[in-house]
Protein backbone atom coordinates (compact mmCIF):
# COMPACT_ATOMS: atom_id res chain seq x y z
CA MET A 1 172.34 139.71 111.44
CA GLY A 2 174.65 139.84 108.45
CA SER A 3 174.59 139.78 104.78
CA SER A 4 174.19 135.97 104.73
CA ASP A 5 170.65 136.47 106.08
CA VAL A 6 169.56 138.56 103.15
CA ASP A 7 166.97 136.64 101.26
CA PHE A 8 165.16 138.18 98.27
CA PHE A 9 166.03 135.43 95.75
CA ILE A 10 164.00 132.88 93.83
CA HIS A 11 164.24 129.47 95.38
CA SER A 12 163.51 125.98 93.94
CA TYR A 13 161.14 123.94 95.95
CA TYR A 14 161.03 120.77 93.89
CA GLU A 15 162.97 119.49 90.90
CA PHE A 16 161.99 116.85 88.41
CA LYS A 17 163.01 115.66 84.91
CA LEU A 18 160.81 115.77 81.91
CA PHE A 19 162.10 114.38 78.57
CA GLY A 20 165.66 114.54 79.99
CA VAL A 21 165.30 118.15 80.96
CA THR A 22 165.50 119.19 84.60
CA LEU A 23 162.61 121.35 85.60
CA SER A 24 161.73 122.80 88.98
CA ILE A 25 158.87 124.31 90.87
CA ASN A 26 160.12 127.62 92.24
CA THR A 27 159.06 130.67 94.30
CA THR A 28 157.65 132.51 91.22
CA MET A 29 155.44 129.56 90.25
CA VAL A 30 154.07 129.21 93.64
CA THR A 31 153.35 132.76 94.20
CA THR A 32 151.78 133.08 90.75
CA VAL A 33 149.33 130.31 91.49
CA ILE A 34 148.47 132.00 94.84
CA VAL A 35 147.84 135.30 93.12
CA CYS A 36 145.70 133.58 90.41
CA LEU A 37 143.67 131.76 93.16
CA ILE A 38 143.18 135.03 95.12
CA LEU A 39 142.08 136.81 91.91
CA LEU A 40 139.56 133.95 91.13
CA ALA A 41 138.30 133.97 94.66
CA LEU A 42 137.65 137.73 94.49
CA ILE A 43 135.89 137.36 91.18
CA LEU A 44 133.62 134.50 92.42
CA PHE A 45 132.87 136.39 95.64
CA ALA A 46 131.95 139.54 93.72
CA ARG A 47 129.77 137.59 91.35
CA HIS A 48 128.05 135.82 94.33
CA GLU A 49 127.30 139.19 95.98
CA ILE A 50 126.05 140.71 92.72
CA MET A 51 123.77 137.75 91.85
CA LYS A 52 122.11 137.97 95.18
CA ASP A 53 118.41 139.20 95.20
CA TYR A 54 118.68 142.53 96.93
CA ASP A 55 116.13 145.32 96.84
CA GLU A 56 118.95 147.78 96.56
CA PRO A 57 122.56 147.43 95.41
CA ASN A 58 124.88 146.30 98.12
CA VAL A 59 128.27 147.60 99.00
CA VAL A 60 130.24 144.99 97.05
CA GLN A 61 128.11 145.50 93.99
CA ASN A 62 128.62 149.28 94.13
CA VAL A 63 132.32 148.86 94.55
CA VAL A 64 132.68 146.32 91.76
CA GLU A 65 130.59 148.42 89.41
CA MET A 66 132.67 151.58 90.23
CA ILE A 67 135.87 149.74 89.55
CA VAL A 68 134.65 148.22 86.33
CA GLU A 69 133.18 151.52 85.07
CA LYS A 70 136.48 153.32 85.82
CA MET A 71 138.48 150.68 84.03
CA ASP A 72 136.15 150.66 81.06
CA ALA A 73 136.26 154.39 80.86
CA MET A 74 140.08 154.38 80.92
CA VAL A 75 140.37 151.77 78.20
CA VAL A 76 137.74 153.55 76.01
CA SER A 77 139.51 156.93 76.49
CA ASN A 78 142.79 155.42 75.29
CA MET A 79 141.64 153.06 72.61
CA GLY A 80 138.57 154.62 71.26
CA ILE A 81 136.40 152.50 68.97
CA HIS A 82 138.81 149.58 69.34
CA ALA A 83 138.36 149.39 73.16
CA LYS A 84 135.60 146.81 73.04
CA LYS A 85 137.95 144.19 71.58
CA TYR A 86 140.55 144.64 74.35
CA LEU A 87 138.52 145.52 77.42
CA ASN A 88 138.79 142.05 78.95
CA TYR A 89 142.44 141.58 78.16
CA VAL A 90 143.61 144.93 79.51
CA GLU A 91 141.55 144.78 82.68
CA ALA A 92 142.49 141.17 83.43
CA LEU A 93 146.18 141.98 82.73
CA MET A 94 146.12 145.06 85.02
CA ALA A 95 144.30 143.09 87.80
CA PHE A 96 146.87 140.31 87.72
CA ILE A 97 149.85 142.75 87.68
CA PHE A 98 148.42 144.78 90.56
CA LEU A 99 147.74 141.85 92.76
CA SER A 100 151.19 140.50 91.88
CA ASN A 101 152.86 143.73 92.78
CA ILE A 102 151.15 144.11 96.13
CA SER A 103 151.67 140.50 97.12
CA GLY A 104 154.73 141.54 99.03
CA LEU A 105 152.31 143.00 101.67
CA PHE A 106 151.34 139.44 102.44
CA GLY A 107 154.86 138.15 102.88
CA LEU A 108 155.13 136.72 99.27
CA ARG A 109 157.81 137.33 96.74
CA PRO A 110 156.02 139.30 93.91
CA PRO A 111 155.77 137.19 90.71
CA THR A 112 156.56 140.32 88.84
CA ALA A 113 159.98 140.45 90.59
CA ASP A 114 160.91 137.62 88.20
CA PHE A 115 161.83 138.63 84.64
CA GLY A 116 160.34 135.53 83.30
CA THR A 117 156.88 136.68 84.42
CA THR A 118 157.15 140.30 83.13
CA PHE A 119 158.73 139.07 79.95
CA GLY A 120 155.95 136.69 79.43
CA LEU A 121 153.33 139.37 79.99
CA ALA A 122 155.04 141.70 77.64
CA LEU A 123 155.25 138.94 74.93
CA ILE A 124 151.46 138.53 75.06
CA THR A 125 151.06 142.28 74.59
CA PHE A 126 153.65 142.21 71.77
CA VAL A 127 151.71 139.51 69.84
CA MET A 128 148.53 141.59 70.18
CA ILE A 129 150.37 144.65 68.95
CA GLU A 130 151.77 142.89 65.93
CA TYR A 131 148.34 141.27 65.19
CA ALA A 132 146.71 144.58 65.18
CA TRP A 133 149.36 146.01 62.87
CA ILE A 134 149.10 143.09 60.43
CA LYS A 135 145.26 143.12 60.54
CA THR A 136 145.23 146.84 59.72
CA LYS A 137 147.97 147.16 57.25
CA GLY A 138 148.49 143.64 55.81
CA PHE A 139 151.54 143.64 53.55
CA GLY A 140 151.75 147.46 54.21
CA ILE A 141 153.85 146.63 57.28
CA ILE A 142 156.73 146.18 54.90
CA LYS A 143 156.48 149.79 53.79
CA ASP A 144 156.32 150.89 57.40
CA LEU A 145 159.41 148.97 58.17
CA LEU A 146 161.22 150.66 55.21
CA ASP A 147 160.27 154.13 56.32
CA PRO A 148 161.71 156.72 55.98
CA PHE A 149 164.40 155.06 53.91
CA PRO A 150 165.15 151.29 53.15
CA VAL A 151 168.49 151.58 55.04
CA PHE A 152 166.43 151.97 58.27
CA LEU A 153 164.99 148.42 58.00
CA PRO A 154 167.30 146.82 60.57
CA ILE A 155 166.68 149.77 63.03
CA ASN A 156 162.93 149.47 62.57
CA ILE A 157 162.99 145.80 63.12
CA ILE A 158 165.11 146.16 66.26
CA SER A 159 162.72 148.87 67.45
CA GLU A 160 159.74 146.54 67.20
CA PHE A 161 161.42 143.74 69.14
CA ALA A 162 162.70 146.21 71.76
CA THR A 163 159.12 146.89 72.80
CA PRO A 164 158.45 143.81 74.87
CA VAL A 165 161.99 143.97 76.27
CA SER A 166 161.57 147.57 77.44
CA MET A 167 158.13 146.95 78.89
CA SER A 168 159.17 143.82 80.83
CA LEU A 169 162.39 145.40 82.11
CA ARG A 170 160.57 148.54 83.33
CA LEU A 171 158.12 146.45 85.41
CA PHE A 172 160.66 143.87 86.50
CA GLY A 173 163.18 146.54 87.58
CA ASN A 174 160.87 148.55 89.65
CA VAL A 175 159.31 145.59 91.49
CA THR A 176 162.58 143.90 92.01
CA ALA A 177 164.18 147.10 93.43
CA GLY A 178 161.39 147.25 96.03
CA THR A 179 161.86 143.65 96.88
CA ILE A 180 165.61 144.09 97.34
CA MET A 181 165.26 147.27 99.40
CA LEU A 182 162.79 145.53 101.77
CA GLY A 183 164.93 142.41 101.96
CA LEU A 184 168.00 144.50 102.91
CA TRP A 185 166.04 146.45 105.46
CA TYR A 186 164.73 143.29 107.22
CA ALA A 187 168.19 141.58 107.12
CA LEU A 188 170.59 144.32 107.91
CA MET A 189 168.88 146.84 110.17
CA PRO A 190 168.63 146.60 113.93
CA TRP A 191 165.51 144.95 115.42
CA PHE A 192 163.95 148.24 116.69
CA THR A 193 163.87 149.67 113.11
CA LYS A 194 161.66 146.77 112.11
CA ILE A 195 158.82 148.04 114.32
CA GLY A 196 156.44 150.28 112.47
CA ILE A 197 158.89 151.58 109.88
CA PRO A 198 158.53 148.53 107.41
CA ALA A 199 154.71 149.36 107.25
CA PHE A 200 155.59 152.67 105.45
CA LEU A 201 158.14 150.95 103.20
CA HIS A 202 155.62 148.35 102.20
CA ALA A 203 153.08 151.04 101.59
CA TYR A 204 155.43 152.70 99.17
CA PHE A 205 157.31 149.89 97.51
CA ASP A 206 154.44 147.32 97.35
CA PHE A 207 151.23 149.40 97.13
CA PHE A 208 152.00 152.84 95.73
CA SER A 209 154.82 151.86 93.41
CA GLY A 210 152.94 148.63 92.43
CA ALA A 211 149.88 150.62 91.48
CA ILE A 212 151.97 153.03 89.43
CA GLN A 213 153.76 150.18 87.59
CA THR A 214 150.42 148.52 86.90
CA TYR A 215 149.11 151.81 85.40
CA VAL A 216 152.18 152.28 83.26
CA PHE A 217 152.15 148.72 81.80
CA GLY A 218 148.50 148.99 81.12
CA MET A 219 148.78 152.39 79.44
CA LEU A 220 151.65 151.19 77.30
CA THR A 221 149.67 148.24 76.29
CA MET A 222 146.66 150.36 75.30
CA VAL A 223 148.73 153.02 73.57
CA PHE A 224 150.93 150.57 71.53
CA ILE A 225 147.93 148.52 70.39
CA SER A 226 145.77 151.48 69.50
CA ASN A 227 148.55 153.10 67.59
CA ARG A 228 148.60 150.20 65.19
CA TYR A 229 145.18 151.11 64.06
CA ASP A 230 146.23 154.60 62.92
């Protein structure tokens, strides 16, 4: 097995033209839809179990309530009085990122291994950061951009737009690195090294690292937004 067998790239499954522009349905789109469907199925299943008429809470209800309470507590501890407005967004964002990151456990190419996905998520957060800033300061943001001296205006503007880039690159780089490492292992190592060992690699690169990157992205989202209210 040689380097030609290495496959950790994004593939196009179907191409079509729209208004003269060639578009394609690729690996990222397919896996994103799968992740969203899995997330929706989990939500509907949890709702179904919670809505059942039990004399005592069942296991699913206990687990769901525990997860929601922990997530709520994390958002409140980081965003304080502003947490209520962003609970749904932060929790939905982290749920999607986590499922995307661990999708490699099921043989899928993680959507977050595509910069287009991570940059899109970072842009949504960036819009919410700027919205909170404008809502709080109004035209006072001009003064903030001119601090500490007017000559720093270009630097401050670049710093603002660097936020979504740095957030997206951090998530993209870590997830892609794991995807590449696993792809190289499967393609270039002898067959006997693919028995048992990949399980530990997936546990680290997909689950452990995926959970950490989800936490980091979520924390940065909460911290950046809440800082705009100071």
